[in-house]
Amino acid sequence: VLRPGLTLVEKGPVTRVAAGSHVYHALCGGPVLSRGGSGDLLAGLIGGLLAQAPADPVLAAARGVMWHGLAADLLARERGQVAVRVTDLLDFLPAALRLAAEPAAAPALSAGPVA
């Protein structure tokens, strides 16, 4: 259990957002994100979201992780897992945001207690 008010993003094979007694697991992303600079892009997304809504850091982190992972999935589907650059993710962010906004889209995060 994390201290109250603390939000943690753990980037790895399954990226997690932890807050309080809950952890959210990213169900998107993949090996295309295991490149130098991928975490920098994620931090920038989350930072931009925090600047817009500083009162909800958990939502900012979860949205950033989801958009980051969806963009990676779209990139991998179109260009494959190898010979891609982290900056290529930027080309797929608009489509990732549109996909995330669709109510019928499969959830990109699952929630549960911190293990």
PDB file of N, CA and C in Angstrom:
ATOM      1  N   VAL A   1       0.853  -1.178   0.000  1.00  0.00           N
ATOM      2  CA  VAL A   1       0.000   0.000   0.000  1.00  0.00           C
ATOM      3  C   VAL A   1       0.897   1.238   0.000  1.00  0.00           C
ATOM      4  N   LEU A   2       0.606   2.137  -0.910  1.00  0.00           N
ATOM      5  CA  LEU A   2       1.397   3.361  -1.023  1.00  0.00           C
ATOM      6  C   LEU A   2       0.897   4.430  -0.064  1.00  0.00           C
ATOM      7  N   ARG A   3       1.774   5.359   0.246  1.00  0.00           N
ATOM      8  CA  ARG A   3       1.374   6.498   1.078  1.00  0.00           C
ATOM      9  C   ARG A   3       0.249   7.256   0.394  1.00  0.00           C
ATOM     10  N   PRO A   4      -0.673   7.827   1.171  1.00  0.00           N
ATOM     11  CA  PRO A   4      -1.739   8.638   0.581  1.00  0.00           C
ATOM     12  C   PRO A   4      -1.147   9.780  -0.248  1.00  0.00           C
ATOM     13  N   GLY A   5      -1.738  10.007  -1.403  1.00  0.00           N
ATOM     14  CA  GLY A   5      -1.292  11.089  -2.269  1.00  0.00           C
ATOM     15  C   GLY A   5      -0.161  10.721  -3.206  1.00  0.00           C
ATOM     16  N   LEU A   6       0.387   9.507  -3.090  1.00  0.00           N
ATOM     17  CA  LEU A   6       1.497   9.087  -3.937  1.00  0.00           C
ATOM     18  C   LEU A   6       0.960   8.266  -5.108  1.00  0.00           C
ATOM     19  N   THR A   7       1.414   8.597  -6.304  1.00  0.00           N
ATOM     20  CA  THR A   7       1.085   7.829  -7.507  1.00  0.00           C
ATOM     21  C   THR A   7       2.390   7.338  -8.100  1.00  0.00           C
ATOM     22  N   LEU A   8       2.469   6.048  -8.379  1.00  0.00           N
ATOM     23  CA  LEU A   8       3.692   5.434  -8.893  1.00  0.00           C
ATOM     24  C   LEU A   8       3.417   4.810 -10.254  1.00  0.00           C
ATOM     25  N   VAL A   9       4.286   5.087 -11.221  1.00  0.00           N
ATOM     26  CA  VAL A   9       4.225   4.427 -12.524  1.00  0.00           C
ATOM     27  C   VAL A   9       5.460   3.541 -12.629  1.00  0.00           C
ATOM     28  N   GLU A  10       5.239   2.248 -12.822  1.00  0.00           N
ATOM     29  CA  GLU A  10       6.321   1.283 -12.974  1.00  0.00           C
ATOM     30  C   GLU A  10       6.285   0.768 -14.409  1.00  0.00           C
ATOM     31  N   LYS A  11       7.274   1.180 -15.198  1.00  0.00           N
ATOM     32  CA  LYS A  11       7.341   0.786 -16.600  1.00  0.00           C
ATOM     33  C   LYS A  11       8.087  -0.532 -16.701  1.00  0.00           C
ATOM     34  N   GLY A  12       7.502  -1.476 -17.401  1.00  0.00           N
ATOM     35  CA  GLY A  12       8.115  -2.780 -17.583  1.00  0.00           C
ATOM     36  C   GLY A  12       7.320  -3.585 -18.589  1.00  0.00           C
ATOM     37  N   PRO A  13       7.505  -4.918 -18.612  1.00  0.00           N
ATOM     38  CA  PRO A  13       6.736  -5.739 -19.553  1.00  0.00           C
ATOM     39  C   PRO A  13       5.233  -5.504 -19.428  1.00  0.00           C
ATOM     40  N   VAL A  14       4.778  -5.271 -18.197  1.00  0.00           N
ATOM     41  CA  VAL A  14       3.410  -4.816 -17.942  1.00  0.00           C
ATOM     42  C   VAL A  14       3.551  -3.530 -17.147  1.00  0.00           C
ATOM     43  N   THR A  15       3.224  -2.404 -17.752  1.00  0.00           N
ATOM     44  CA  THR A  15       3.347  -1.130 -17.047  1.00  0.00           C
ATOM     45  C   THR A  15       2.211  -1.012 -16.044  1.00  0.00           C
ATOM     46  N   ARG A  16       2.555  -0.537 -14.845  1.00  0.00           N
ATOM     47  CA  ARG A  16       1.574  -0.429 -13.762  1.00  0.00           C
ATOM     48  C   ARG A  16       1.495   1.005 -13.256  1.00  0.00           C
ATOM     49  N   VAL A  17       0.287   1.390 -12.860  1.00  0.00           N
ATOM     50  CA  VAL A  17       0.064   2.652 -12.166  1.00  0.00           C
ATOM     51  C   VAL A  17      -0.497   2.263 -10.806  1.00  0.00           C
ATOM     52  N   ALA A  18       0.205   2.620  -9.740  1.00  0.00           N
ATOM     53  CA  ALA A  18      -0.230   2.276  -8.388  1.00  0.00           C
ATOM     54  C   ALA A  18      -0.563   3.543  -7.625  1.00  0.00           C
ATOM     55  N   ALA A  19      -1.657   3.476  -6.880  1.00  0.00           N
ATOM     56  CA  ALA A  19      -2.091   4.595  -6.046  1.00  0.00           C
ATOM     57  C   ALA A  19      -2.900   4.032  -4.885  1.00  0.00           C
ATOM     58  N   GLY A  20      -2.519   4.404  -3.677  1.00  0.00           N
ATOM     59  CA  GLY A  20      -3.222   3.892  -2.509  1.00  0.00           C
ATOM     60  C   GLY A  20      -3.126   2.380  -2.462  1.00  0.00           C
ATOM     61  N   SER A  21      -4.272   1.717  -2.400  1.00  0.00           N
ATOM     62  CA  SER A  21      -4.287   0.254  -2.337  1.00  0.00           C
ATOM     63  C   SER A  21      -4.656  -0.379  -3.676  1.00  0.00           C
ATOM     64  N   HIS A  22      -4.625   0.400  -4.746  1.00  0.00           N
ATOM     65  CA  HIS A  22      -4.978  -0.126  -6.063  1.00  0.00           C
ATOM     66  C   HIS A  22      -3.812  -0.025  -7.033  1.00  0.00           C
ATOM     67  N   VAL A  23      -3.802  -0.967  -7.959  1.00  0.00           N
ATOM     68  CA  VAL A  23      -2.813  -0.930  -9.033  1.00  0.00           C
ATOM     69  C   VAL A  23      -3.558  -1.176 -10.345  1.00  0.00           C
ATOM     70  N   TYR A  24      -3.197  -0.424 -11.355  1.00  0.00           N
ATOM     71  CA  TYR A  24      -3.788  -0.547 -12.680  1.00  0.00           C
ATOM     72  C   TYR A  24      -2.717  -1.111 -13.602  1.00  0.00           C
ATOM     73  N   HIS A  25      -3.048  -2.169 -14.326  1.00  0.00           N
ATOM     74  CA  HIS A  25      -2.106  -2.845 -15.214  1.00  0.00           C
ATOM     75  C   HIS A  25      -2.431  -2.475 -16.652  1.00  0.00           C
ATOM     76  N   ALA A  26      -1.446  -2.028 -17.406  1.00  0.00           N
ATOM     77  CA  ALA A  26      -1.653  -1.713 -18.818  1.00  0.00           C
ATOM     78  C   ALA A  26      -1.831  -3.009 -19.600  1.00  0.00           C
ATOM     79  N   LEU A  27      -2.856  -3.052 -20.412  1.00  0.00           N
ATOM     80  CA  LEU A  27      -3.117  -4.218 -21.248  1.00  0.00           C
ATOM     81  C   LEU A  27      -2.705  -3.948 -22.689  1.00  0.00           C
ATOM     82  N   CYS A  28      -1.901  -2.935 -22.881  1.00  0.00           N
ATOM     83  CA  CYS A  28      -1.432  -2.579 -24.216  1.00  0.00           C
ATOM     84  C   CYS A  28       0.042  -2.200 -24.118  1.00  0.00           C
ATOM     85  N   GLY A  29       0.658  -2.032 -25.259  1.00  0.00           N
ATOM     86  CA  GLY A  29       2.095  -1.777 -25.291  1.00  0.00           C
ATOM     87  C   GLY A  29       2.804  -3.065 -25.661  1.00  0.00           C
ATOM     88  N   GLY A  30       4.080  -3.119 -25.473  1.00  0.00           N
ATOM     89  CA  GLY A  30       4.808  -4.338 -25.801  1.00  0.00           C
ATOM     90  C   GLY A  30       6.271  -4.056 -26.036  1.00  0.00           C
ATOM     91  N   PRO A  31       6.947  -4.982 -26.696  1.00  0.00           N
ATOM     92  CA  PRO A  31       8.394  -4.863 -26.897  1.00  0.00           C
ATOM     93  C   PRO A  31       8.828  -3.596 -27.626  1.00  0.00           C
ATOM     94  N   VAL A  32       7.944  -3.024 -28.413  1.00  0.00           N
ATOM     95  CA  VAL A  32       8.313  -1.793 -29.122  1.00  0.00           C
ATOM     96  C   VAL A  32       8.632  -0.663 -28.132  1.00  0.00           C
ATOM     97  N   LEU A  33       8.154  -0.793 -26.891  1.00  0.00           N
ATOM     98  CA  LEU A  33       8.413   0.229 -25.869  1.00  0.00           C
ATOM     99  C   LEU A  33       9.717  -0.013 -25.113  1.00  0.00           C
ATOM    100  N   SER A  34      10.415  -1.085 -25.414  1.00  0.00           N
ATOM    101  CA  SER A  34      11.660  -1.382 -24.693  1.00  0.00           C
ATOM    102  C   SER A  34      12.859  -0.761 -25.408  1.00  0.00           C
ATOM    103  N   ARG A  35      12.764   0.534 -25.614  1.00  0.00           N
ATOM    104  CA  ARG A  35      13.829   1.294 -26.272  1.00  0.00           C
ATOM    105  C   ARG A  35      14.138   2.531 -25.445  1.00  0.00           C
ATOM    106  N   GLY A  36      15.376   2.957 -25.540  1.00  0.00           N
ATOM    107  CA  GLY A  36      15.762   4.185 -24.858  1.00  0.00           C
ATOM    108  C   GLY A  36      14.902   5.349 -25.315  1.00  0.00           C
ATOM    109  N   GLY A  37      14.400   6.101 -24.367  1.00  0.00           N
ATOM    110  CA  GLY A  37      13.579   7.264 -24.670  1.00  0.00           C
ATOM    111  C   GLY A  37      12.094   7.016 -24.541  1.00  0.00           C
ATOM    112  N   SER A  38      11.688   5.752 -24.476  1.00  0.00           N
ATOM    113  CA  SER A  38      10.270   5.437 -24.355  1.00  0.00           C
ATOM    114  C   SER A  38       9.694   5.972 -23.040  1.00  0.00           C
ATOM    115  N   GLY A  39      10.448   5.806 -21.957  1.00  0.00           N
ATOM    116  CA  GLY A  39      10.003   6.328 -20.663  1.00  0.00           C
ATOM    117  C   GLY A  39       9.963   7.846 -20.640  1.00  0.00           C
ATOM    118  N   ASP A  40      10.871   8.482 -21.382  1.00  0.00           N
ATOM    119  CA  ASP A  40      10.856   9.944 -21.477  1.00  0.00           C
ATOM    120  C   ASP A  40       9.574  10.422 -22.149  1.00  0.00           C
ATOM    121  N   LEU A  41       9.174   9.730 -23.213  1.00  0.00           N
ATOM    122  CA  LEU A  41       7.935  10.083 -23.897  1.00  0.00           C
ATOM    123  C   LEU A  41       6.747   9.892 -22.965  1.00  0.00           C
ATOM    124  N   LEU A  42       6.730   8.789 -22.223  1.00  0.00           N
ATOM    125  CA  LEU A  42       5.652   8.534 -21.269  1.00  0.00           C
ATOM    126  C   LEU A  42       5.613   9.618 -20.195  1.00  0.00           C
ATOM    127  N   ALA A  43       6.768   9.981 -19.662  1.00  0.00           N
ATOM    128  CA  ALA A  43       6.823  11.032 -18.638  1.00  0.00           C
ATOM    129  C   ALA A  43       6.305  12.356 -19.188  1.00  0.00           C
ATOM    130  N   GLY A  44       6.619  12.657 -20.439  1.00  0.00           N
ATOM    131  CA  GLY A  44       6.117  13.879 -21.060  1.00  0.00           C
ATOM    132  C   GLY A  44       4.611  13.868 -21.216  1.00  0.00           C
ATOM    133  N   LEU A  45       4.055  12.729 -21.612  1.00  0.00           N
ATOM    134  CA  LEU A  45       2.600  12.611 -21.725  1.00  0.00           C
ATOM    135  C   LEU A  45       1.936  12.842 -20.370  1.00  0.00           C
ATOM    136  N   ILE A  46       2.450  12.156 -19.353  1.00  0.00           N
ATOM    137  CA  ILE A  46       1.866  12.283 -18.015  1.00  0.00           C
ATOM    138  C   ILE A  46       2.038  13.704 -17.494  1.00  0.00           C
ATOM    139  N   GLY A  47       3.204  14.300 -17.706  1.00  0.00           N
ATOM    140  CA  GLY A  47       3.431  15.676 -17.266  1.00  0.00           C
ATOM    141  C   GLY A  47       2.479  16.653 -17.922  1.00  0.00           C
ATOM    142  N   GLY A  48       2.234  16.491 -19.215  1.00  0.00           N
ATOM    143  CA  GLY A  48       1.284  17.353 -19.914  1.00  0.00           C
ATOM    144  C   GLY A  48      -0.123  17.197 -19.375  1.00  0.00           C
ATOM    145  N   LEU A  49      -0.513  15.958 -19.081  1.00  0.00           N
ATOM    146  CA  LEU A  49      -1.838  15.717 -18.516  1.00  0.00           C
ATOM    147  C   LEU A  49      -1.950  16.289 -17.107  1.00  0.00           C
ATOM    148  N   LEU A  50      -0.885  16.173 -16.324  1.00  0.00           N
ATOM    149  CA  LEU A  50      -0.885  16.757 -14.972  1.00  0.00           C
ATOM    150  C   LEU A  50      -1.004  18.276 -15.022  1.00  0.00           C
ATOM    151  N   ALA A  51      -0.373  18.891 -16.013  1.00  0.00           N
ATOM    152  CA  ALA A  51      -0.458  20.346 -16.144  1.00  0.00           C
ATOM    153  C   ALA A  51      -1.894  20.784 -16.426  1.00  0.00           C
ATOM    154  N   GLN A  52      -2.650  19.949 -17.120  1.00  0.00           N
ATOM    155  CA  GLN A  52      -4.036  20.280 -17.445  1.00  0.00           C
ATOM    156  C   GLN A  52      -4.992  19.997 -16.292  1.00  0.00           C
ATOM    157  N   ALA A  53      -4.701  18.972 -15.496  1.00  0.00           N
ATOM    158  CA  ALA A  53      -5.593  18.571 -14.402  1.00  0.00           C
ATOM    159  C   ALA A  53      -4.762  18.107 -13.210  1.00  0.00           C
ATOM    160  N   PRO A  54      -4.116  19.043 -12.500  1.00  0.00           N
ATOM    161  CA  PRO A  54      -3.218  18.654 -11.406  1.00  0.00           C
ATOM    162  C   PRO A  54      -3.915  17.988 -10.221  1.00  0.00           C
ATOM    163  N   ALA A  55      -5.221  18.102 -10.124  1.00  0.00           N
ATOM    164  CA  ALA A  55      -5.934  17.530  -8.987  1.00  0.00           C
ATOM    165  C   ALA A  55      -6.105  16.016  -9.090  1.00  0.00           C
ATOM    166  N   ASP A  56      -5.841  15.424 -10.254  1.00  0.00           N
ATOM    167  CA  ASP A  56      -6.062  13.989 -10.415  1.00  0.00           C
ATOM    168  C   ASP A  56      -4.844  13.299 -11.038  1.00  0.00           C
ATOM    169  N   PRO A  57      -3.771  13.127 -10.259  1.00  0.00           N
ATOM    170  CA  PRO A  57      -2.561  12.514 -10.806  1.00  0.00           C
ATOM    171  C   PRO A  57      -2.742  11.052 -11.216  1.00  0.00           C
ATOM    172  N   VAL A  58      -3.644  10.335 -10.566  1.00  0.00           N
ATOM    173  CA  VAL A  58      -3.865   8.935 -10.929  1.00  0.00           C
ATOM    174  C   VAL A  58      -4.469   8.852 -12.329  1.00  0.00           C
ATOM    175  N   LEU A  59      -5.455   9.689 -12.603  1.00  0.00           N
ATOM    176  CA  LEU A  59      -6.068   9.713 -13.928  1.00  0.00           C
ATOM    177  C   LEU A  59      -5.051  10.134 -14.983  1.00  0.00           C
ATOM    178  N   ALA A  60      -4.235  11.131 -14.676  1.00  0.00           N
ATOM    179  CA  ALA A  60      -3.203  11.579 -15.620  1.00  0.00           C
ATOM    180  C   ALA A  60      -2.233  10.443 -15.931  1.00  0.00           C
ATOM    181  N   ALA A  61      -1.787   9.738 -14.907  1.00  0.00           N
ATOM    182  CA  ALA A  61      -0.845   8.633 -15.113  1.00  0.00           C
ATOM    183  C   ALA A  61      -1.499   7.501 -15.900  1.00  0.00           C
ATOM    184  N   ALA A  62      -2.724   7.142 -15.541  1.00  0.00           N
ATOM    185  CA  ALA A  62      -3.416   6.047 -16.228  1.00  0.00           C
ATOM    186  C   ALA A  62      -3.667   6.389 -17.692  1.00  0.00           C
ATOM    187  N   ARG A  63      -4.098   7.608 -17.959  1.00  0.00           N
ATOM    188  CA  ARG A  63      -4.329   8.013 -19.356  1.00  0.00           C
ATOM    189  C   ARG A  63      -3.023   8.026 -20.143  1.00  0.00           C
ATOM    190  N   GLY A  64      -1.979   8.573 -19.550  1.00  0.00           N
ATOM    191  CA  GLY A  64      -0.691   8.607 -20.236  1.00  0.00           C
ATOM    192  C   GLY A  64      -0.198   7.214 -20.575  1.00  0.00           C
ATOM    193  N   VAL A  65      -0.305   6.298 -19.619  1.00  0.00           N
ATOM    194  CA  VAL A  65       0.122   4.913 -19.838  1.00  0.00           C
ATOM    195  C   VAL A  65      -0.725   4.264 -20.933  1.00  0.00           C
ATOM    196  N   MET A  66      -2.033   4.486 -20.890  1.00  0.00           N
ATOM    197  CA  MET A  66      -2.922   3.895 -21.882  1.00  0.00           C
ATOM    198  C   MET A  66      -2.615   4.431 -23.280  1.00  0.00           C
ATOM    199  N   TRP A  67      -2.494   5.749 -23.429  1.00  0.00           N
ATOM    200  CA  TRP A  67      -2.213   6.343 -24.745  1.00  0.00           C
ATOM    201  C   TRP A  67      -0.862   5.862 -25.275  1.00  0.00           C
ATOM    202  N   HIS A  68       0.126   5.824 -24.406  1.00  0.00           N
ATOM    203  CA  HIS A  68       1.475   5.368 -24.758  1.00  0.00           C
ATOM    204  C   HIS A  68       1.425   3.930 -25.281  1.00  0.00           C
ATOM    205  N   GLY A  69       0.728   3.063 -24.558  1.00  0.00           N
ATOM    206  CA  GLY A  69       0.622   1.663 -24.952  1.00  0.00           C
ATOM    207  C   GLY A  69      -0.173   1.456 -26.227  1.00  0.00           C
ATOM    208  N   LEU A  70      -1.276   2.190 -26.369  1.00  0.00           N
ATOM    209  CA  LEU A  70      -2.072   2.069 -27.590  1.00  0.00           C
ATOM    210  C   LEU A  70      -1.284   2.541 -28.804  1.00  0.00           C
ATOM    211  N   ALA A  71      -0.553   3.647 -28.661  1.00  0.00           N
ATOM    212  CA  ALA A  71       0.280   4.132 -29.767  1.00  0.00           C
ATOM    213  C   ALA A  71       1.324   3.079 -30.138  1.00  0.00           C
ATOM    214  N   ALA A  72       1.897   2.419 -29.138  1.00  0.00           N
ATOM    215  CA  ALA A  72       2.882   1.361 -29.395  1.00  0.00           C
ATOM    216  C   ALA A  72       2.251   0.185 -30.132  1.00  0.00           C
ATOM    217  N   ASP A  73       1.040  -0.192 -29.729  1.00  0.00           N
ATOM    218  CA  ASP A  73       0.353  -1.290 -30.412  1.00  0.00           C
ATOM    219  C   ASP A  73       0.082  -0.949 -31.874  1.00  0.00           C
ATOM    220  N   LEU A  74      -0.368   0.278 -32.123  1.00  0.00           N
ATOM    221  CA  LEU A  74      -0.646   0.707 -33.495  1.00  0.00           C
ATOM    222  C   LEU A  74       0.634   0.747 -34.328  1.00  0.00           C
ATOM    223  N   LEU A  75       1.711   1.257 -33.732  1.00  0.00           N
ATOM    224  CA  LEU A  75       3.003   1.300 -34.417  1.00  0.00           C
ATOM    225  C   LEU A  75       3.475  -0.111 -34.761  1.00  0.00           C
ATOM    226  N   ALA A  76       3.411  -1.012 -33.799  1.00  0.00           N
ATOM    227  CA  ALA A  76       3.872  -2.385 -34.020  1.00  0.00           C
ATOM    228  C   ALA A  76       3.041  -3.078 -35.094  1.00  0.00           C
ATOM    229  N   ARG A  77       1.739  -2.818 -35.101  1.00  0.00           N
ATOM    230  CA  ARG A  77       0.867  -3.439 -36.093  1.00  0.00           C
ATOM    231  C   ARG A  77       1.231  -2.980 -37.505  1.00  0.00           C
ATOM    232  N   GLU A  78       1.568  -1.701 -37.638  1.00  0.00           N
ATOM    233  CA  GLU A  78       1.855  -1.163 -38.972  1.00  0.00           C
ATOM    234  C   GLU A  78       3.302  -1.371 -39.414  1.00  0.00           C
ATOM    235  N   ARG A  79       4.257  -1.226 -38.484  1.00  0.00           N
ATOM    236  CA  ARG A  79       5.671  -1.245 -38.875  1.00  0.00           C
ATOM    237  C   ARG A  79       6.486  -2.378 -38.262  1.00  0.00           C
ATOM    238  N   GLY A  80       5.874  -3.166 -37.394  1.00  0.00           N
ATOM    239  CA  GLY A  80       6.598  -4.265 -36.758  1.00  0.00           C
ATOM    240  C   GLY A  80       7.256  -3.834 -35.454  1.00  0.00           C
ATOM    241  N   GLN A  81       7.912  -4.795 -34.798  1.00  0.00           N
ATOM    242  CA  GLN A  81       8.521  -4.563 -33.485  1.00  0.00           C
ATOM    243  C   GLN A  81       9.977  -4.119 -33.566  1.00  0.00           C
ATOM    244  N   VAL A  82      10.615  -4.318 -34.713  1.00  0.00           N
ATOM    245  CA  VAL A  82      12.036  -3.992 -34.839  1.00  0.00           C
ATOM    246  C   VAL A  82      12.220  -2.861 -35.838  1.00  0.00           C
ATOM    247  N   ALA A  83      13.381  -2.252 -35.779  1.00  0.00           N
ATOM    248  CA  ALA A  83      13.741  -1.161 -36.696  1.00  0.00           C
ATOM    249  C   ALA A  83      12.749  -0.009 -36.636  1.00  0.00           C
ATOM    250  N   VAL A  84      12.271   0.285 -35.424  1.00  0.00           N
ATOM    251  CA  VAL A  84      11.430   1.462 -35.214  1.00  0.00           C
ATOM    252  C   VAL A  84      12.108   2.334 -34.163  1.00  0.00           C
ATOM    253  N   ARG A  85      11.805   3.614 -34.206  1.00  0.00           N
ATOM    254  CA  ARG A  85      12.358   4.556 -33.229  1.00  0.00           C
ATOM    255  C   ARG A  85      11.252   5.004 -32.287  1.00  0.00           C
ATOM    256  N   VAL A  86      11.639   5.406 -31.100  1.00  0.00           N
ATOM    257  CA  VAL A  86      10.662   5.897 -30.130  1.00  0.00           C
ATOM    258  C   VAL A  86       9.899   7.084 -30.704  1.00  0.00           C
ATOM    259  N   THR A  87      10.575   7.934 -31.459  1.00  0.00           N
ATOM    260  CA  THR A  87       9.890   9.098 -32.035  1.00  0.00           C
ATOM    261  C   THR A  87       8.802   8.684 -33.020  1.00  0.00           C
ATOM    262  N   ASP A  88       8.866   7.449 -33.540  1.00  0.00           N
ATOM    263  CA  ASP A  88       7.798   6.962 -34.419  1.00  0.00           C
ATOM    264  C   ASP A  88       6.465   6.871 -33.675  1.00  0.00           C
ATOM    265  N   LEU A  89       6.520   6.701 -32.354  1.00  0.00           N
ATOM    266  CA  LEU A  89       5.287   6.643 -31.557  1.00  0.00           C
ATOM    267  C   LEU A  89       4.462   7.914 -31.703  1.00  0.00           C
ATOM    268  N   LEU A  90       5.134   9.040 -31.891  1.00  0.00           N
ATOM    269  CA  LEU A  90       4.426  10.317 -32.009  1.00  0.00           C
ATOM    270  C   LEU A  90       3.447  10.314 -33.175  1.00  0.00           C
ATOM    271  N   ASP A  91       3.795   9.615 -34.251  1.00  0.00           N
ATOM    272  CA  ASP A  91       2.907   9.542 -35.411  1.00  0.00           C
ATOM    273  C   ASP A  91       1.609   8.810 -35.097  1.00  0.00           C
ATOM    274  N   PHE A  92       1.621   7.970 -34.076  1.00  0.00           N
ATOM    275  CA  PHE A  92       0.468   7.135 -33.768  1.00  0.00           C
ATOM    276  C   PHE A  92      -0.331   7.632 -32.560  1.00  0.00           C
ATOM    277  N   LEU A  93       0.129   8.694 -31.915  1.00  0.00           N
ATOM    278  CA  LEU A  93      -0.612   9.215 -30.754  1.00  0.00           C
ATOM    279  C   LEU A  93      -2.006   9.721 -31.112  1.00  0.00           C
ATOM    280  N   PRO A  94      -2.196  10.475 -32.205  1.00  0.00           N
ATOM    281  CA  PRO A  94      -3.565  10.920 -32.515  1.00  0.00           C
ATOM    282  C   PRO A  94      -4.542   9.751 -32.676  1.00  0.00           C
ATOM    283  N   ALA A  95      -4.123   8.704 -33.361  1.00  0.00           N
ATOM    284  CA  ALA A  95      -4.993   7.532 -33.526  1.00  0.00           C
ATOM    285  C   ALA A  95      -5.225   6.835 -32.189  1.00  0.00           C
ATOM    286  N   ALA A  96      -4.210   6.797 -31.334  1.00  0.00           N
ATOM    287  CA  ALA A  96      -4.356   6.184 -30.007  1.00  0.00           C
ATOM    288  C   ALA A  96      -5.366   6.955 -29.166  1.00  0.00           C
ATOM    289  N   LEU A  97      -5.327   8.284 -29.225  1.00  0.00           N
ATOM    290  CA  LEU A  97      -6.283   9.095 -28.477  1.00  0.00           C
ATOM    291  C   LEU A  97      -7.698   8.877 -28.985  1.00  0.00           C
ATOM    292  N   ARG A  98      -7.860   8.786 -30.301  1.00  0.00           N
ATOM    293  CA  ARG A  98      -9.194   8.520 -30.864  1.00  0.00           C
ATOM    294  C   ARG A  98      -9.689   7.146 -30.423  1.00  0.00           C
ATOM    295  N   LEU A  99      -8.819   6.153 -30.475  1.00  0.00           N
ATOM    296  CA  LEU A  99      -9.192   4.800 -30.069  1.00  0.00           C
ATOM    297  C   LEU A  99      -9.580   4.758 -28.594  1.00  0.00           C
ATOM    298  N   ALA A 100      -8.820   5.435 -27.760  1.00  0.00           N
ATOM    299  CA  ALA A 100      -9.099   5.452 -26.316  1.00  0.00           C
ATOM    300  C   ALA A 100     -10.427   6.128 -26.005  1.00  0.00           C
ATOM    301  N   ALA A 101     -10.872   7.040 -26.874  1.00  0.00           N
ATOM    302  CA  ALA A 101     -12.115   7.772 -26.637  1.00  0.00           C
ATOM    303  C   ALA A 101     -13.354   6.986 -27.051  1.00  0.00           C
ATOM    304  N   GLU A 102     -13.182   5.878 -27.755  1.00  0.00           N
ATOM    305  CA  GLU A 102     -14.322   5.085 -28.202  1.00  0.00           C
ATOM    306  C   GLU A 102     -14.876   4.261 -27.044  1.00  0.00           C
ATOM    307  N   PRO A 103     -16.164   4.461 -26.712  1.00  0.00           N
ATOM    308  CA  PRO A 103     -16.741   3.707 -25.593  1.00  0.00           C
ATOM    309  C   PRO A 103     -16.717   2.195 -25.810  1.00  0.00           C
ATOM    310  N   ALA A 104     -16.806   1.759 -27.056  1.00  0.00           N
ATOM    311  CA  ALA A 104     -16.849   0.325 -27.339  1.00  0.00           C
ATOM    312  C   ALA A 104     -15.461  -0.313 -27.372  1.00  0.00           C
ATOM    313  N   ALA A 105     -14.423   0.514 -27.294  1.00  0.00           N
ATOM    314  CA  ALA A 105     -13.061  -0.031 -27.347  1.00  0.00           C
ATOM    315  C   ALA A 105     -12.803  -0.884 -26.110  1.00  0.00           C
ATOM    316  N   ALA A 106     -12.036  -1.941 -26.288  1.00  0.00           N
ATOM    317  CA  ALA A 106     -11.686  -2.799 -25.150  1.00  0.00           C
ATOM    318  C   ALA A 106     -10.876  -1.995 -24.146  1.00  0.00           C
ATOM    319  N   PRO A 107     -11.090  -2.229 -22.853  1.00  0.00           N
ATOM    320  CA  PRO A 107     -10.322  -1.474 -21.858  1.00  0.00           C
ATOM    321  C   PRO A 107      -8.826  -1.744 -21.991  1.00  0.00           C
ATOM    322  N   ALA A 108      -8.054  -0.693 -21.853  1.00  0.00           N
ATOM    323  CA  ALA A 108      -6.602  -0.823 -21.981  1.00  0.00           C
ATOM    324  C   ALA A 108      -5.924  -0.969 -20.628  1.00  0.00           C
ATOM    325  N   LEU A 109      -6.684  -0.785 -19.552  1.00  0.00           N
ATOM    326  CA  LEU A 109      -6.139  -0.937 -18.202  1.00  0.00           C
ATOM    327  C   LEU A 109      -7.070  -1.835 -17.403  1.00  0.00           C
ATOM    328  N   SER A 110      -6.505  -2.652 -16.544  1.00  0.00           N
ATOM    329  CA  SER A 110      -7.310  -3.421 -15.605  1.00  0.00           C
ATOM    330  C   SER A 110      -6.934  -2.972 -14.201  1.00  0.00           C
ATOM    331  N   ALA A 111      -7.873  -3.053 -13.285  1.00  0.00           N
ATOM    332  CA  ALA A 111      -7.628  -2.580 -11.923  1.00  0.00           C
ATOM    333  C   ALA A 111      -7.714  -3.736 -10.941  1.00  0.00           C
ATOM    334  N   GLY A 112      -6.977  -3.594  -9.863  1.00  0.00           N
ATOM    335  CA  GLY A 112      -7.029  -4.590  -8.809  1.00  0.00           C
ATOM    336  C   GLY A 112      -6.220  -4.127  -7.620  1.00  0.00           C
ATOM    337  N   PRO A 113      -6.275  -4.856  -6.517  1.00  0.00           N
ATOM    338  CA  PRO A 113      -5.493  -4.468  -5.347  1.00  0.00           C
ATOM    339  C   PRO A 113      -4.004  -4.662  -5.594  1.00  0.00           C
ATOM    340  N   VAL A 114      -3.207  -3.886  -4.907  1.00  0.00           N
ATOM    341  CA  VAL A 114      -1.755  -4.012  -5.016  1.00  0.00           C
ATOM    342  C   VAL A 114      -1.355  -5.360  -4.448  1.00  0.00           C
ATOM    343  N   ALA A 115      -0.585  -6.110  -5.214  1.00  0.00           N
ATOM    344  CA  ALA A 115      -0.163  -7.441  -4.757  1.00  0.00           C
ATOM    345  C   ALA A 115       1.145  -7.355  -4.012  1.00  0.00           C
TER     346      ALA A 115
END
